[in-house]
Amino acid sequence: MALISNCGCVLRTVQADALYRARRCGALGLVKLASCLLRAAINLYQRQLISQQSMRVAVAATGRLEKSALALLLGPKEIQARDNSKRE
């Protein structure tokens, strides 16, 4: 009987672990995308192929991607709590 009641708990743990790994992988993908975007924008800006305004847009997009990755990994409620603590 004890093994059967633990089975549900173990299954939930395995599911939670798989969900965490998927969220972590997604967040890592977003950070890598942000890094690639920023590197490309810097390269284009140094070669004078894009304007300063375009560079600002790329930096803003990079920030949004990184913030999205953080929200995906930690959850949006914790991100909002951190933002509120910085303002005070």
C-alpha atoms as a PDB file:
ATOM      1  CA  MET A   1       0.000   0.000   0.000  1.00  0.00           C
ATOM      2  CA  ALA A   2       2.764   2.461   0.840  1.00  0.00           C
ATOM      3  CA  LEU A   3       4.349   1.980  -2.567  1.00  0.00           C
ATOM      4  CA  ILE A   4       1.128   2.782  -4.375  1.00  0.00           C
ATOM      5  CA  SER A   5       0.611   6.061  -2.516  1.00  0.00           C
ATOM      6  CA  ASN A   6       4.228   7.078  -3.245  1.00  0.00           C
ATOM      7  CA  CYS A   7       3.810   6.304  -6.942  1.00  0.00           C
ATOM      8  CA  GLY A   8       1.693   9.419  -7.518  1.00  0.00           C
ATOM      9  CA  CYS A   9       4.212  11.573  -5.702  1.00  0.00           C
ATOM     10  CA  VAL A  10       7.096  10.192  -7.760  1.00  0.00           C
ATOM     11  CA  LEU A  11       5.139  10.696 -10.979  1.00  0.00           C
ATOM     12  CA  ARG A  12       4.458  14.342 -10.072  1.00  0.00           C
ATOM     13  CA  THR A  13       8.155  14.807  -9.292  1.00  0.00           C
ATOM     14  CA  VAL A  14       9.159  13.359 -12.665  1.00  0.00           C
ATOM     15  CA  GLN A  15       6.637  15.570 -14.452  1.00  0.00           C
ATOM     16  CA  ALA A  16       7.803  18.653 -12.555  1.00  0.00           C
ATOM     17  CA  ASP A  17      11.426  17.831 -13.375  1.00  0.00           C
ATOM     18  CA  ALA A  18      10.592  17.424 -17.069  1.00  0.00           C
ATOM     19  CA  LEU A  19       8.687  20.712 -17.057  1.00  0.00           C
ATOM     20  CA  TYR A  20      11.608  22.482 -15.365  1.00  0.00           C
ATOM     21  CA  ARG A  21      14.033  21.085 -17.941  1.00  0.00           C
ATOM     22  CA  ALA A  22      11.790  22.233 -20.798  1.00  0.00           C
ATOM     23  CA  ARG A  23      11.482  25.710 -19.307  1.00  0.00           C
ATOM     24  CA  ARG A  24      15.237  25.851 -18.751  1.00  0.00           C
ATOM     25  CA  CYS A  25      15.914  24.773 -22.338  1.00  0.00           C
ATOM     26  CA  GLY A  26      13.477  27.385 -23.662  1.00  0.00           C
ATOM     27  CA  ALA A  27      15.040  30.110 -21.534  1.00  0.00           C
ATOM     28  CA  LEU A  28      18.506  29.131 -22.702  1.00  0.00           C
ATOM     29  CA  GLY A  29      17.309  29.300 -26.308  1.00  0.00           C
ATOM     30  CA  LEU A  30      15.946  32.808 -25.776  1.00  0.00           C
ATOM     31  CA  VAL A  31      19.209  33.977 -24.191  1.00  0.00           C
ATOM     32  CA  LYS A  32      21.212  32.517 -27.087  1.00  0.00           C
ATOM     33  CA  LEU A  33      18.890  34.240 -29.560  1.00  0.00           C
ATOM     34  CA  ALA A  34      19.344  37.550 -27.731  1.00  0.00           C
ATOM     35  CA  SER A  35      23.110  37.120 -27.768  1.00  0.00           C
ATOM     36  CA  CYS A  36      23.133  36.340 -31.485  1.00  0.00           C
ATOM     37  CA  LEU A  37      20.922  39.341 -32.235  1.00  0.00           C
ATOM     38  CA  LEU A  38      23.123  41.691 -30.233  1.00  0.00           C
ATOM     39  CA  ARG A  39      26.347  40.376 -31.778  1.00  0.00           C
ATOM     40  CA  ALA A  40      24.925  40.785 -35.280  1.00  0.00           C
ATOM     41  CA  ALA A  41      23.679  44.305 -34.543  1.00  0.00           C
ATOM     42  CA  ILE A  42      27.049  45.350 -33.115  1.00  0.00           C
ATOM     43  CA  ASN A  43      28.834  43.934 -36.145  1.00  0.00           C
ATOM     44  CA  LEU A  44      26.525  45.756 -38.566  1.00  0.00           C
ATOM     45  CA  TYR A  45      26.797  48.998 -36.604  1.00  0.00           C
ATOM     46  CA  GLN A  46      30.600  48.858 -36.569  1.00  0.00           C
ATOM     47  CA  ARG A  47      30.613  48.355 -40.329  1.00  0.00           C
ATOM     48  CA  GLN A  48      28.191  51.316 -40.568  1.00  0.00           C
ATOM     49  CA  LEU A  49      25.466  49.276 -42.243  1.00  0.00           C
ATOM     50  CA  ILE A  50      22.762  50.189 -39.724  1.00  0.00           C
ATOM     51  CA  SER A  51      21.947  53.456 -38.010  1.00  0.00           C
ATOM     52  CA  GLN A  52      22.170  54.324 -34.336  1.00  0.00           C
ATOM     53  CA  GLN A  53      18.385  54.120 -34.095  1.00  0.00           C
ATOM     54  CA  SER A  54      18.428  50.563 -35.469  1.00  0.00           C
ATOM     55  CA  MET A  55      21.073  49.669 -32.915  1.00  0.00           C
ATOM     56  CA  ARG A  56      18.844  51.003 -30.128  1.00  0.00           C
ATOM     57  CA  VAL A  57      15.977  48.848 -31.396  1.00  0.00           C
ATOM     58  CA  ALA A  58      18.251  45.793 -31.381  1.00  0.00           C
ATOM     59  CA  VAL A  59      19.383  46.520 -27.822  1.00  0.00           C
ATOM     60  CA  ALA A  60      15.766  46.954 -26.708  1.00  0.00           C
ATOM     61  CA  ALA A  61      14.765  43.688 -28.394  1.00  0.00           C
ATOM     62  CA  THR A  62      17.671  41.940 -26.708  1.00  0.00           C
ATOM     63  CA  GLY A  63      16.516  43.207 -23.328  1.00  0.00           C
ATOM     64  CA  ARG A  64      12.977  41.974 -23.969  1.00  0.00           C
ATOM     65  CA  LEU A  65      14.248  38.538 -24.994  1.00  0.00           C
ATOM     66  CA  GLU A  66      16.372  38.277 -21.860  1.00  0.00           C
ATOM     67  CA  LYS A  67      13.482  39.368 -19.653  1.00  0.00           C
ATOM     68  CA  SER A  68      11.227  36.824 -21.355  1.00  0.00           C
ATOM     69  CA  ALA A  69      13.809  34.119 -20.711  1.00  0.00           C
ATOM     70  CA  LEU A  70      13.942  35.062 -17.052  1.00  0.00           C
ATOM     71  CA  ALA A  71      10.146  35.029 -16.800  1.00  0.00           C
ATOM     72  CA  LEU A  72      10.046  31.625 -18.480  1.00  0.00           C
ATOM     73  CA  LEU A  73      12.608  30.200 -16.092  1.00  0.00           C
ATOM     74  CA  LEU A  74      11.477  31.750 -12.811  1.00  0.00           C
ATOM     75  CA  GLY A  75       7.852  32.603 -13.504  1.00  0.00           C
ATOM     76  CA  PRO A  76       6.282  36.020 -14.071  1.00  0.00           C
ATOM     77  CA  LYS A  77       5.249  36.591 -10.444  1.00  0.00           C
ATOM     78  CA  GLU A  78       8.819  36.411  -9.174  1.00  0.00           C
ATOM     79  CA  ILE A  79       9.969  38.800 -11.913  1.00  0.00           C
ATOM     80  CA  GLN A  80       7.324  41.333 -10.904  1.00  0.00           C
ATOM     81  CA  ALA A  81       8.377  41.038  -7.256  1.00  0.00           C
ATOM     82  CA  ARG A  82      12.004  41.754  -8.217  1.00  0.00           C
ATOM     83  CA  ASP A  83      10.986  44.757 -10.325  1.00  0.00           C
ATOM     84  CA  ASN A  84       8.927  46.176  -7.479  1.00  0.00           C
ATOM     85  CA  SER A  85      11.782  45.752  -4.983  1.00  0.00           C
ATOM     86  CA  LYS A  86      14.154  47.664  -7.315  1.00  0.00           C
ATOM     87  CA  ARG A  87      11.768  50.626  -7.544  1.00  0.00           C
ATOM     88  CA  GLU A  88      11.529  51.089  -3.781  1.00  0.00           C
END
